[in-house]
């Protein structure tokens, strides 16, 4: 995520084979906001990391059962993989990495 204070490590428990970017917001081309978008931050993450990122929209969850991951909720998610175009996932889609 985007910590306010620098943590001693970004190592996690490794329970899932991807990072989760919660509260993901799609870029709005009509906005006058001049800051970075979530998508831009995720692309910057890939400069030093190879692990896929799931941009989980507000109100969406990832249902984990064994080694299967399914998107639930109303608005879906996006899968970001280094050097590839993002993939759009709808409710009930399975995350394929």
C-alpha atoms as a PDB file:
ATOM      1  CA  UNK A   1       0.000   0.000   0.000  1.00  0.00           C
ATOM      2  CA  UNK A   2       1.096   3.633   0.349  1.00  0.00           C
ATOM      3  CA  UNK A   3       2.399   3.989   3.914  1.00  0.00           C
ATOM      4  CA  UNK A   4       2.654   7.351   5.613  1.00  0.00           C
ATOM      5  CA  UNK A   5       5.691   6.212   7.590  1.00  0.00           C
ATOM      6  CA  UNK A   6       8.401   4.067   6.025  1.00  0.00           C
ATOM      7  CA  UNK A   7       8.045   0.530   7.437  1.00  0.00           C
ATOM      8  CA  UNK A   8      11.123  -1.544   8.256  1.00  0.00           C
ATOM      9  CA  UNK A   9      10.117  -3.974   5.493  1.00  0.00           C
ATOM     10  CA  UNK A  10       7.500  -4.482   2.805  1.00  0.00           C
ATOM     11  CA  UNK A  11       7.645  -8.253   3.310  1.00  0.00           C
ATOM     12  CA  UNK A  12       4.205  -9.759   3.788  1.00  0.00           C
ATOM     13  CA  UNK A  13       2.865 -13.141   4.856  1.00  0.00           C
ATOM     14  CA  UNK A  14       2.678 -14.408   1.261  1.00  0.00           C
ATOM     15  CA  UNK A  15      -0.787 -15.916   1.697  1.00  0.00           C
ATOM     16  CA  UNK A  16      -1.796 -15.055  -1.885  1.00  0.00           C
ATOM     17  CA  UNK A  17       0.368 -14.880  -5.040  1.00  0.00           C
ATOM     18  CA  UNK A  18      -0.378 -11.188  -5.688  1.00  0.00           C
ATOM     19  CA  UNK A  19      -0.497  -7.774  -4.038  1.00  0.00           C
ATOM     20  CA  UNK A  20      -3.873  -6.200  -3.314  1.00  0.00           C
ATOM     21  CA  UNK A  21      -4.441  -2.510  -4.017  1.00  0.00           C
ATOM     22  CA  UNK A  22      -7.682  -1.829  -2.094  1.00  0.00           C
ATOM     23  CA  UNK A  23     -10.058   1.038  -2.897  1.00  0.00           C
ATOM     24  CA  UNK A  24      -8.810   1.058  -6.507  1.00  0.00           C
ATOM     25  CA  UNK A  25     -10.150   4.014  -8.496  1.00  0.00           C
ATOM     26  CA  UNK A  26     -10.110   4.041 -12.299  1.00  0.00           C
ATOM     27  CA  UNK A  27      -8.344   6.981 -13.968  1.00  0.00           C
ATOM     28  CA  UNK A  28     -10.777   9.742 -14.959  1.00  0.00           C
ATOM     29  CA  UNK A  29      -9.595  11.436 -18.183  1.00  0.00           C
ATOM     30  CA  UNK A  30     -11.916  14.411 -17.573  1.00  0.00           C
ATOM     31  CA  UNK A  31     -10.468  15.286 -14.154  1.00  0.00           C
ATOM     32  CA  UNK A  32      -8.276  18.310 -13.567  1.00  0.00           C
ATOM     33  CA  UNK A  33      -6.349  16.377 -10.880  1.00  0.00           C
ATOM     34  CA  UNK A  34      -2.638  16.645 -11.679  1.00  0.00           C
ATOM     35  CA  UNK A  35      -1.390  13.978  -9.253  1.00  0.00           C
ATOM     36  CA  UNK A  36      -0.634  10.344  -9.864  1.00  0.00           C
ATOM     37  CA  UNK A  37      -3.408   7.876 -10.510  1.00  0.00           C
ATOM     38  CA  UNK A  38      -3.556   4.489  -8.806  1.00  0.00           C
ATOM     39  CA  UNK A  39      -2.706   2.922 -12.160  1.00  0.00           C
ATOM     40  CA  UNK A  40       0.422   5.083 -12.436  1.00  0.00           C
ATOM     41  CA  UNK A  41       1.496   4.135  -8.884  1.00  0.00           C
ATOM     42  CA  UNK A  42       1.050   0.449  -9.698  1.00  0.00           C
ATOM     43  CA  UNK A  43       3.159   0.826 -12.859  1.00  0.00           C
ATOM     44  CA  UNK A  44       5.862   2.497 -10.734  1.00  0.00           C
ATOM     45  CA  UNK A  45       5.689  -0.472  -8.335  1.00  0.00           C
ATOM     46  CA  UNK A  46       6.697  -2.729 -11.244  1.00  0.00           C
ATOM     47  CA  UNK A  47      10.008  -0.893 -11.669  1.00  0.00           C
ATOM     48  CA  UNK A  48      11.309  -2.883  -8.674  1.00  0.00           C
ATOM     49  CA  UNK A  49       8.759  -5.713  -8.318  1.00  0.00           C
ATOM     50  CA  UNK A  50       7.375  -8.535 -10.454  1.00  0.00           C
ATOM     51  CA  UNK A  51       4.422  -9.719  -8.350  1.00  0.00           C
ATOM     52  CA  UNK A  52       0.977  -9.084  -9.934  1.00  0.00           C
ATOM     53  CA  UNK A  53      -1.314  -6.463  -8.364  1.00  0.00           C
ATOM     54  CA  UNK A  54      -5.088  -6.741  -8.031  1.00  0.00           C
ATOM     55  CA  UNK A  55      -6.742  -3.302  -8.142  1.00  0.00           C
ATOM     56  CA  UNK A  56      -9.765  -4.054  -5.973  1.00  0.00           C
ATOM     57  CA  UNK A  57     -12.556  -1.520  -6.463  1.00  0.00           C
ATOM     58  CA  UNK A  58     -14.625  -0.210  -3.554  1.00  0.00           C
ATOM     59  CA  UNK A  59     -17.158  -2.813  -2.444  1.00  0.00           C
ATOM     60  CA  UNK A  60     -15.344  -5.740  -4.080  1.00  0.00           C
ATOM     61  CA  UNK A  61     -13.718  -8.677  -2.327  1.00  0.00           C
ATOM     62  CA  UNK A  62     -11.562 -11.626  -3.285  1.00  0.00           C
ATOM     63  CA  UNK A  63     -13.071 -14.955  -2.256  1.00  0.00           C
ATOM     64  CA  UNK A  64     -10.259 -17.445  -1.608  1.00  0.00           C
ATOM     65  CA  UNK A  65     -10.923 -21.173  -1.588  1.00  0.00           C
ATOM     66  CA  UNK A  66      -7.908 -23.480  -1.735  1.00  0.00           C
ATOM     67  CA  UNK A  67      -5.834 -22.080  -4.626  1.00  0.00           C
ATOM     68  CA  UNK A  68      -8.812 -20.454  -6.398  1.00  0.00           C
ATOM     69  CA  UNK A  69      -9.481 -16.699  -6.181  1.00  0.00           C
ATOM     70  CA  UNK A  70     -12.836 -15.265  -7.314  1.00  0.00           C
ATOM     71  CA  UNK A  71     -13.943 -11.626  -7.479  1.00  0.00           C
ATOM     72  CA  UNK A  72     -17.157 -10.877  -5.587  1.00  0.00           C
ATOM     73  CA  UNK A  73     -19.053  -7.615  -5.119  1.00  0.00           C
ATOM     74  CA  UNK A  74     -20.539  -5.043  -7.444  1.00  0.00           C
ATOM     75  CA  UNK A  75     -17.683  -3.333  -9.303  1.00  0.00           C
ATOM     76  CA  UNK A  76     -15.023  -5.960  -9.979  1.00  0.00           C
ATOM     77  CA  UNK A  77     -11.285  -5.456 -10.176  1.00  0.00           C
ATOM     78  CA  UNK A  78      -8.311  -5.029 -12.492  1.00  0.00           C
ATOM     79  CA  UNK A  79      -5.298  -7.331 -12.699  1.00  0.00           C
ATOM     80  CA  UNK A  80      -1.972  -5.615 -13.310  1.00  0.00           C
ATOM     81  CA  UNK A  81       1.019  -7.668 -14.420  1.00  0.00           C
ATOM     82  CA  UNK A  82       4.450  -6.258 -15.216  1.00  0.00           C
ATOM     83  CA  UNK A  83       4.888  -5.365 -18.926  1.00  0.00           C
ATOM     84  CA  UNK A  84       1.275  -6.309 -19.805  1.00  0.00           C
ATOM     85  CA  UNK A  85      -1.975  -4.423 -20.297  1.00  0.00           C
ATOM     86  CA  UNK A  86      -4.346  -4.536 -17.284  1.00  0.00           C
ATOM     87  CA  UNK A  87      -7.107  -7.150 -17.388  1.00  0.00           C
ATOM     88  CA  UNK A  88     -10.645  -6.253 -16.332  1.00  0.00           C
ATOM     89  CA  UNK A  89     -12.430  -8.694 -13.993  1.00  0.00           C
ATOM     90  CA  UNK A  90     -16.168  -8.735 -13.330  1.00  0.00           C
ATOM     91  CA  UNK A  91     -18.010 -10.256 -10.390  1.00  0.00           C
ATOM     92  CA  UNK A  92     -17.644 -14.058 -10.357  1.00  0.00           C
ATOM     93  CA  UNK A  93     -14.537 -13.955 -12.587  1.00  0.00           C
ATOM     94  CA  UNK A  94     -11.623 -16.070 -11.405  1.00  0.00           C
ATOM     95  CA  UNK A  95      -8.209 -14.466 -11.044  1.00  0.00           C
ATOM     96  CA  UNK A  96      -5.896 -16.193 -13.543  1.00  0.00           C
ATOM     97  CA  UNK A  97      -2.202 -15.429 -13.155  1.00  0.00           C
END
